[in-house]
Amino acid sequence: MKITFYGQACFSIETKGKTILTDPFISGNPLAQHINVEDIQADFILLSHGHQDHILDAVSIAKRTGAKVIAPYEVHVWAQSQGIENTHPLNPGGKWDFEFGTVLCVVAIHSSSFPDNSYAGTPVGFVIWNEEMSVYFAGDTALTMDMKLIPMLCPPLDVAILPIGDNFTMDVKGAVIASDFVACPKVIGCHYDTFGFIKIDHEEARNAFEAAGKELILLDIGKPFEV
């Protein structure tokens, strides 16, 4: 499995010959200005909620690549209203088998609205698995006891992608606890540094995970990483 970070909560996950893109916010991210959105490929796009820093480039990428958009119901309806017909709605507790594997939609504690402030439904996270890998993409979330259900419902995780920036989501301390809840000691951080409210001390964050016997991976934007 190859994972490429494109900033904020946008990752490309390559598995079984398919490319899954999460929460594409690239063109509006000052930290990702060296990335050409037109070069990004996707077979599937997972959207965790409706905030602009998670959906900004979803429509253009989906239309250019023909990728199927997988999203909570209200975001799926919004995507169709933008001219994307190839969509699949999922809500918390539901799962579906796609060409690349199974996606389970899980609880996230956050808010969700579209850029025009209209209602965007319930924010979610996703667990993705097949015979090659198992990944938890938490989306934007607080620490929640519901995370303890993931090891009961899913194969053992190879990696958990967790927000660590605080203010709008859980912080590093919360993410360390979350890694316990989901029984995954290998964590890739997201939702940090993009703007002032969520800037973190990288060394301090890594040390907090190391002290707990875990690994925090902070990826360079645009550089592939093999898991």
C-alpha atoms as a PDB file:
ATOM      1  CA  MET A   1       0.000   0.000   0.000  1.00  0.00           C
ATOM      2  CA  LYS A   2       1.325   3.427  -0.944  1.00  0.00           C
ATOM      3  CA  ILE A   3       0.088   6.602   0.753  1.00  0.00           C
ATOM      4  CA  THR A   4       0.786  10.129  -0.480  1.00  0.00           C
ATOM      5  CA  PHE A   5      -0.080  13.170   1.645  1.00  0.00           C
ATOM      6  CA  TYR A   6      -1.389  16.259  -0.158  1.00  0.00           C
ATOM      7  CA  GLY A   7      -1.905  18.412   2.927  1.00  0.00           C
ATOM      8  CA  GLN A   8      -4.593  18.941   5.573  1.00  0.00           C
ATOM      9  CA  ALA A   9      -6.684  15.714   5.364  1.00  0.00           C
ATOM     10  CA  CYS A  10      -6.010  14.812   1.728  1.00  0.00           C
ATOM     11  CA  PHE A  11      -4.310  11.476   1.116  1.00  0.00           C
ATOM     12  CA  SER A  12      -3.924   9.231  -1.892  1.00  0.00           C
ATOM     13  CA  ILE A  13      -4.099   5.547  -0.942  1.00  0.00           C
ATOM     14  CA  GLU A  14      -3.024   3.111  -3.644  1.00  0.00           C
ATOM     15  CA  THR A  15      -4.079  -0.516  -3.215  1.00  0.00           C
ATOM     16  CA  LYS A  16      -5.127  -3.368  -5.488  1.00  0.00           C
ATOM     17  CA  GLY A  17      -4.509  -1.237  -8.567  1.00  0.00           C
ATOM     18  CA  LYS A  18      -6.923   1.489  -7.454  1.00  0.00           C
ATOM     19  CA  THR A  19      -6.295   4.986  -6.113  1.00  0.00           C
ATOM     20  CA  ILE A  20      -8.479   6.281  -3.285  1.00  0.00           C
ATOM     21  CA  LEU A  21      -8.328  10.011  -2.558  1.00  0.00           C
ATOM     22  CA  THR A  22      -9.560  11.472   0.729  1.00  0.00           C
ATOM     23  CA  ASP A  23     -10.901  14.986   1.364  1.00  0.00           C
ATOM     24  CA  PRO A  24      -9.189  16.842  -1.508  1.00  0.00           C
ATOM     25  CA  PHE A  25      -8.204  20.351  -0.401  1.00  0.00           C
ATOM     26  CA  ILE A  26      -5.105  21.235  -2.404  1.00  0.00           C
ATOM     27  CA  SER A  27      -5.525  24.350  -4.545  1.00  0.00           C
ATOM     28  CA  GLY A  28      -6.527  26.422  -1.504  1.00  0.00           C
ATOM     29  CA  ASN A  29      -3.800  25.096   0.793  1.00  0.00           C
ATOM     30  CA  PRO A  30      -0.760  27.396   0.984  1.00  0.00           C
ATOM     31  CA  LEU A  31       1.387  24.439   2.066  1.00  0.00           C
ATOM     32  CA  ALA A  32       0.520  22.474  -1.090  1.00  0.00           C
ATOM     33  CA  GLN A  33       1.130  25.101  -3.748  1.00  0.00           C
ATOM     34  CA  HIS A  34       3.845  22.949  -5.335  1.00  0.00           C
ATOM     35  CA  ILE A  35       1.197  20.298  -6.109  1.00  0.00           C
ATOM     36  CA  ASN A  36      -0.579  20.483  -9.465  1.00  0.00           C
ATOM     37  CA  VAL A  37      -4.170  19.364  -8.874  1.00  0.00           C
ATOM     38  CA  GLU A  38      -4.437  18.409 -12.547  1.00  0.00           C
ATOM     39  CA  ASP A  39      -1.800  15.724 -12.006  1.00  0.00           C
ATOM     40  CA  ILE A  40      -3.690  13.976  -9.208  1.00  0.00           C
ATOM     41  CA  GLN A  41      -5.425  10.751 -10.191  1.00  0.00           C
ATOM     42  CA  ALA A  42      -8.285   9.011  -8.413  1.00  0.00           C
ATOM     43  CA  ASP A  43     -10.588   6.061  -8.951  1.00  0.00           C
ATOM     44  CA  PHE A  44     -12.546   6.795  -5.769  1.00  0.00           C
ATOM     45  CA  ILE A  45     -12.884   9.925  -3.620  1.00  0.00           C
ATOM     46  CA  LEU A  46     -13.885   9.688   0.039  1.00  0.00           C
ATOM     47  CA  LEU A  47     -15.399  12.829   1.560  1.00  0.00           C
ATOM     48  CA  SER A  48     -15.747  12.900   5.342  1.00  0.00           C
ATOM     49  CA  HIS A  49     -17.856  16.081   5.612  1.00  0.00           C
ATOM     50  CA  GLY A  50     -18.763  19.301   3.836  1.00  0.00           C
ATOM     51  CA  HIS A  51     -16.240  21.862   5.065  1.00  0.00           C
ATOM     52  CA  GLN A  52     -14.339  23.658   2.321  1.00  0.00           C
ATOM     53  CA  ASP A  53     -10.967  22.404   3.531  1.00  0.00           C
ATOM     54  CA  HIS A  54     -12.183  18.873   2.740  1.00  0.00           C
ATOM     55  CA  ILE A  55     -14.165  19.249  -0.492  1.00  0.00           C
ATOM     56  CA  LEU A  56     -12.600  22.200  -2.365  1.00  0.00           C
ATOM     57  CA  ASP A  57     -11.096  20.182  -5.235  1.00  0.00           C
ATOM     58  CA  ALA A  58     -13.460  17.202  -5.122  1.00  0.00           C
ATOM     59  CA  VAL A  59     -15.694  18.278  -7.999  1.00  0.00           C
ATOM     60  CA  SER A  60     -12.906  19.160 -10.438  1.00  0.00           C
ATOM     61  CA  ILE A  61     -10.972  15.956  -9.702  1.00  0.00           C
ATOM     62  CA  ALA A  62     -14.066  13.748  -9.894  1.00  0.00           C
ATOM     63  CA  LYS A  63     -15.148  15.253 -13.221  1.00  0.00           C
ATOM     64  CA  ARG A  64     -11.667  14.979 -14.731  1.00  0.00           C
ATOM     65  CA  THR A  65     -10.954  11.427 -13.562  1.00  0.00           C
ATOM     66  CA  GLY A  66     -14.445   9.925 -13.440  1.00  0.00           C
ATOM     67  CA  ALA A  67     -13.802   8.865  -9.836  1.00  0.00           C
ATOM     68  CA  LYS A  68     -16.714   7.602  -7.754  1.00  0.00           C
ATOM     69  CA  VAL A  69     -17.442   9.893  -4.799  1.00  0.00           C
ATOM     70  CA  ILE A  70     -18.217   8.080  -1.531  1.00  0.00           C
ATOM     71  CA  ALA A  71     -19.674  10.380   1.101  1.00  0.00           C
ATOM     72  CA  PRO A  72     -22.292  10.822   3.828  1.00  0.00           C
ATOM     73  CA  TYR A  73     -25.761  11.181   2.366  1.00  0.00           C
ATOM     74  CA  GLU A  74     -26.038  14.984   2.329  1.00  0.00           C
ATOM     75  CA  VAL A  75     -22.570  15.358   0.788  1.00  0.00           C
ATOM     76  CA  HIS A  76     -23.487  12.736  -1.822  1.00  0.00           C
ATOM     77  CA  VAL A  77     -26.584  14.805  -2.719  1.00  0.00           C
ATOM     78  CA  TRP A  78     -24.432  17.937  -2.940  1.00  0.00           C
ATOM     79  CA  ALA A  79     -21.946  16.157  -5.215  1.00  0.00           C
ATOM     80  CA  GLN A  80     -24.754  15.134  -7.540  1.00  0.00           C
ATOM     81  CA  SER A  81     -26.002  18.737  -7.572  1.00  0.00           C
ATOM     82  CA  GLN A  82     -22.527  19.714  -8.810  1.00  0.00           C
ATOM     83  CA  GLY A  83     -22.874  17.388 -11.791  1.00  0.00           C
ATOM     84  CA  ILE A  84     -21.157  14.302 -10.384  1.00  0.00           C
ATOM     85  CA  GLU A  85     -23.409  11.343 -11.117  1.00  0.00           C
ATOM     86  CA  ASN A  86     -20.974   8.637 -10.018  1.00  0.00           C
ATOM     87  CA  THR A  87     -21.552   8.717  -6.243  1.00  0.00           C
ATOM     88  CA  HIS A  88     -22.291   6.344  -3.387  1.00  0.00           C
ATOM     89  CA  PRO A  89     -23.883   7.479  -0.083  1.00  0.00           C
ATOM     90  CA  LEU A  90     -22.771   5.985   3.239  1.00  0.00           C
ATOM     91  CA  ASN A  91     -23.833   6.878   6.764  1.00  0.00           C
ATOM     92  CA  PRO A  92     -22.330   5.837  10.126  1.00  0.00           C
ATOM     93  CA  GLY A  93     -22.628   2.121  10.779  1.00  0.00           C
ATOM     94  CA  GLY A  94     -23.032   1.253   7.113  1.00  0.00           C
ATOM     95  CA  LYS A  95     -20.469  -0.476   4.929  1.00  0.00           C
ATOM     96  CA  TRP A  96     -20.147  -1.410   1.264  1.00  0.00           C
ATOM     97  CA  ASP A  97     -17.842  -3.577  -0.836  1.00  0.00           C
ATOM     98  CA  PHE A  98     -16.143  -1.698  -3.669  1.00  0.00           C
ATOM     99  CA  GLU A  99     -13.633  -2.864  -6.285  1.00  0.00           C
ATOM    100  CA  PHE A 100     -10.704  -2.088  -3.989  1.00  0.00           C
ATOM    101  CA  GLY A 101     -12.222  -3.510  -0.794  1.00  0.00           C
ATOM    102  CA  THR A 102     -14.692  -2.734   1.976  1.00  0.00           C
ATOM    103  CA  VAL A 103     -15.479   0.721   3.369  1.00  0.00           C
ATOM    104  CA  LEU A 104     -17.114   1.056   6.786  1.00  0.00           C
ATOM    105  CA  CYS A 105     -18.516   4.483   7.635  1.00  0.00           C
ATOM    106  CA  VAL A 106     -17.859   5.355  11.290  1.00  0.00           C
ATOM    107  CA  VAL A 107     -18.740   8.083  13.770  1.00  0.00           C
ATOM    108  CA  ALA A 108     -16.850  11.387  13.839  1.00  0.00           C
ATOM    109  CA  ILE A 109     -17.585  14.155  16.357  1.00  0.00           C
ATOM    110  CA  HIS A 110     -17.328  17.463  14.513  1.00  0.00           C
ATOM    111  CA  SER A 111     -19.522  19.926  12.607  1.00  0.00           C
ATOM    112  CA  SER A 112     -20.348  19.876   8.901  1.00  0.00           C
ATOM    113  CA  SER A 113     -21.549  22.606   6.567  1.00  0.00           C
ATOM    114  CA  PHE A 114     -20.922  23.505   2.942  1.00  0.00           C
ATOM    115  CA  PRO A 115     -18.983  26.660   1.979  1.00  0.00           C
ATOM    116  CA  ASP A 116     -22.294  28.574   1.719  1.00  0.00           C
ATOM    117  CA  ASN A 117     -23.041  27.541   5.346  1.00  0.00           C
ATOM    118  CA  SER A 118     -25.877  25.207   4.330  1.00  0.00           C
ATOM    119  CA  TYR A 119     -26.341  21.950   6.240  1.00  0.00           C
ATOM    120  CA  ALA A 120     -23.983  19.147   5.220  1.00  0.00           C
ATOM    121  CA  GLY A 121     -25.236  16.334   7.430  1.00  0.00           C
ATOM    122  CA  THR A 122     -23.214  14.213   9.812  1.00  0.00           C
ATOM    123  CA  PRO A 123     -19.400  14.199   9.639  1.00  0.00           C
ATOM    124  CA  VAL A 124     -17.887  10.727   9.396  1.00  0.00           C
ATOM    125  CA  GLY A 125     -14.696   8.724   9.245  1.00  0.00           C
ATOM    126  CA  PHE A 126     -13.951   5.617   7.199  1.00  0.00           C
ATOM    127  CA  VAL A 127     -12.245   2.273   7.744  1.00  0.00           C
ATOM    128  CA  ILE A 128     -10.967   0.776   4.488  1.00  0.00           C
ATOM    129  CA  TRP A 129      -9.755  -2.798   4.182  1.00  0.00           C
ATOM    130  CA  ASN A 130      -8.952  -5.609   1.805  1.00  0.00           C
ATOM    131  CA  GLU A 131      -6.645  -8.637   1.927  1.00  0.00           C
ATOM    132  CA  GLU A 132      -3.621  -6.316   1.551  1.00  0.00           C
ATOM    133  CA  MET A 133      -4.283  -3.670   4.169  1.00  0.00           C
ATOM    134  CA  SER A 134      -6.583  -2.033   6.721  1.00  0.00           C
ATOM    135  CA  VAL A 135      -6.638   1.752   7.255  1.00  0.00           C
ATOM    136  CA  TYR A 136      -8.681   4.028   9.504  1.00  0.00           C
ATOM    137  CA  PHE A 137      -9.184   7.526   8.106  1.00  0.00           C
ATOM    138  CA  ALA A 138     -10.743   9.422  11.002  1.00  0.00           C
ATOM    139  CA  GLY A 139     -11.671  12.629   9.203  1.00  0.00           C
ATOM    140  CA  ASP A 140     -12.125  15.615  11.498  1.00  0.00           C
ATOM    141  CA  THR A 141     -13.080  14.372  14.924  1.00  0.00           C
ATOM    142  CA  ALA A 142     -12.789  14.733  18.640  1.00  0.00           C
ATOM    143  CA  LEU A 143     -11.651  11.762  20.661  1.00  0.00           C
ATOM    144  CA  THR A 144     -14.691   9.533  21.056  1.00  0.00           C
ATOM    145  CA  MET A 145     -15.420   6.276  22.834  1.00  0.00           C
ATOM    146  CA  ASP A 146     -16.990   5.002  19.600  1.00  0.00           C
ATOM    147  CA  MET A 147     -13.444   4.440  18.348  1.00  0.00           C
ATOM    148  CA  LYS A 148     -13.302   1.401  20.641  1.00  0.00           C
ATOM    149  CA  LEU A 149     -15.810  -0.310  18.358  1.00  0.00           C
ATOM    150  CA  ILE A 150     -13.442  -0.310  15.386  1.00  0.00           C
ATOM    151  CA  PRO A 151     -11.303  -3.280  16.514  1.00  0.00           C
ATOM    152  CA  MET A 152     -14.528  -5.196  17.188  1.00  0.00           C
ATOM    153  CA  LEU A 153     -15.883  -4.612  13.686  1.00  0.00           C
ATOM    154  CA  CYS A 154     -12.823  -4.447  11.422  1.00  0.00           C
ATOM    155  CA  PRO A 155      -9.625  -6.351  10.653  1.00  0.00           C
ATOM    156  CA  PRO A 156      -6.543  -5.232  12.621  1.00  0.00           C
ATOM    157  CA  LEU A 157      -5.391  -1.837  11.394  1.00  0.00           C
ATOM    158  CA  ASP A 158      -2.064  -1.336   9.633  1.00  0.00           C
ATOM    159  CA  VAL A 159      -2.234   2.418  10.135  1.00  0.00           C
ATOM    160  CA  ALA A 160      -4.600   5.039  11.555  1.00  0.00           C
ATOM    161  CA  ILE A 161      -4.803   8.495   9.985  1.00  0.00           C
ATOM    162  CA  LEU A 162      -5.749  10.823  12.841  1.00  0.00           C
ATOM    163  CA  PRO A 163      -6.136  14.610  13.195  1.00  0.00           C
ATOM    164  CA  ILE A 164      -3.658  16.099  15.654  1.00  0.00           C
ATOM    165  CA  GLY A 165      -3.957  19.884  15.230  1.00  0.00           C
ATOM    166  CA  ASP A 166      -6.249  20.683  18.202  1.00  0.00           C
ATOM    167  CA  ASN A 167      -8.747  23.600  18.230  1.00  0.00           C
ATOM    168  CA  PHE A 168     -11.125  22.085  15.627  1.00  0.00           C
ATOM    169  CA  THR A 169     -10.252  18.427  16.290  1.00  0.00           C
ATOM    170  CA  MET A 170      -8.510  16.343  18.931  1.00  0.00           C
ATOM    171  CA  ASP A 171      -4.926  17.192  19.774  1.00  0.00           C
ATOM    172  CA  VAL A 172      -1.813  15.026  19.990  1.00  0.00           C
ATOM    173  CA  LYS A 173      -2.719  13.761  23.468  1.00  0.00           C
ATOM    174  CA  GLY A 174      -6.170  12.780  22.211  1.00  0.00           C
ATOM    175  CA  ALA A 175      -4.665  11.042  19.198  1.00  0.00           C
ATOM    176  CA  VAL A 176      -2.380   8.967  21.434  1.00  0.00           C
ATOM    177  CA  ILE A 177      -5.457   7.784  23.340  1.00  0.00           C
ATOM    178  CA  ALA A 178      -7.321   7.214  20.064  1.00  0.00           C
ATOM    179  CA  SER A 179      -4.526   4.947  18.885  1.00  0.00           C
ATOM    180  CA  ASP A 180      -5.163   2.849  21.997  1.00  0.00           C
ATOM    181  CA  PHE A 181      -8.902   2.770  21.332  1.00  0.00           C
ATOM    182  CA  VAL A 182      -8.436   1.569  17.743  1.00  0.00           C
ATOM    183  CA  ALA A 183      -5.554  -0.772  18.694  1.00  0.00           C
ATOM    184  CA  CYS A 184      -3.128   0.710  16.186  1.00  0.00           C
ATOM    185  CA  PRO A 185       0.320   1.951  17.305  1.00  0.00           C
ATOM    186  CA  LYS A 186       1.240   3.364  13.864  1.00  0.00           C
ATOM    187  CA  VAL A 187      -0.380   6.754  13.261  1.00  0.00           C
ATOM    188  CA  ILE A 188      -0.161   9.198  10.352  1.00  0.00           C
ATOM    189  CA  GLY A 189      -1.023  12.711  11.443  1.00  0.00           C
ATOM    190  CA  CYS A 190      -3.357  15.029   9.551  1.00  0.00           C
ATOM    191  CA  HIS A 191      -5.212  18.329   9.996  1.00  0.00           C
ATOM    192  CA  TYR A 192      -2.247  20.278  11.345  1.00  0.00           C
ATOM    193  CA  ASP A 193      -0.104  23.304  10.321  1.00  0.00           C
ATOM    194  CA  THR A 194      -2.377  24.452   7.473  1.00  0.00           C
ATOM    195  CA  PHE A 195      -3.320  27.665   9.280  1.00  0.00           C
ATOM    196  CA  GLY A 196      -2.603  29.356  12.591  1.00  0.00           C
ATOM    197  CA  PHE A 197      -5.169  27.667  14.812  1.00  0.00           C
ATOM    198  CA  ILE A 198      -3.755  24.190  14.130  1.00  0.00           C
ATOM    199  CA  LYS A 199       0.009  24.651  14.026  1.00  0.00           C
ATOM    200  CA  ILE A 200       1.903  22.075  16.093  1.00  0.00           C
ATOM    201  CA  ASP A 201       5.409  21.396  17.386  1.00  0.00           C
ATOM    202  CA  HIS A 202       6.490  18.389  15.315  1.00  0.00           C
ATOM    203  CA  GLU A 203       9.199  17.173  17.662  1.00  0.00           C
ATOM    204  CA  GLU A 204       6.946  17.460  20.689  1.00  0.00           C
ATOM    205  CA  ALA A 205       4.202  15.530  18.892  1.00  0.00           C
ATOM    206  CA  ARG A 206       6.527  12.699  17.854  1.00  0.00           C
ATOM    207  CA  ASN A 207       7.963  12.502  21.370  1.00  0.00           C
ATOM    208  CA  ALA A 208       4.469  12.180  22.878  1.00  0.00           C
ATOM    209  CA  PHE A 209       3.791   9.138  20.708  1.00  0.00           C
ATOM    210  CA  GLU A 210       7.223   7.658  21.338  1.00  0.00           C
ATOM    211  CA  ALA A 211       6.728   7.997  25.094  1.00  0.00           C
ATOM    212  CA  ALA A 212       3.562   5.928  24.721  1.00  0.00           C
ATOM    213  CA  GLY A 213       5.388   3.245  22.719  1.00  0.00           C
ATOM    214  CA  LYS A 214       3.799   4.328  19.442  1.00  0.00           C
ATOM    215  CA  GLU A 215       4.911   5.915  16.167  1.00  0.00           C
ATOM    216  CA  LEU A 216       3.673   9.210  14.746  1.00  0.00           C
ATOM    217  CA  ILE A 217       4.445   9.726  11.059  1.00  0.00           C
ATOM    218  CA  LEU A 218       4.313  13.280   9.716  1.00  0.00           C
ATOM    219  CA  LEU A 219       4.525  12.993   5.947  1.00  0.00           C
ATOM    220  CA  ASP A 220       6.038  15.487   3.533  1.00  0.00           C
ATOM    221  CA  ILE A 221       3.408  16.847   1.146  1.00  0.00           C
ATOM    222  CA  GLY A 222       3.613  15.106  -2.204  1.00  0.00           C
ATOM    223  CA  LYS A 223       6.131  12.439  -1.166  1.00  0.00           C
ATOM    224  CA  PRO A 224       4.881   8.810  -1.392  1.00  0.00           C
ATOM    225  CA  PHE A 225       5.156   6.569   1.664  1.00  0.00           C
ATOM    226  CA  GLU A 226       5.050   2.771   1.680  1.00  0.00           C
ATOM    227  CA  VAL A 227       3.150   1.101   4.519  1.00  0.00           C
END
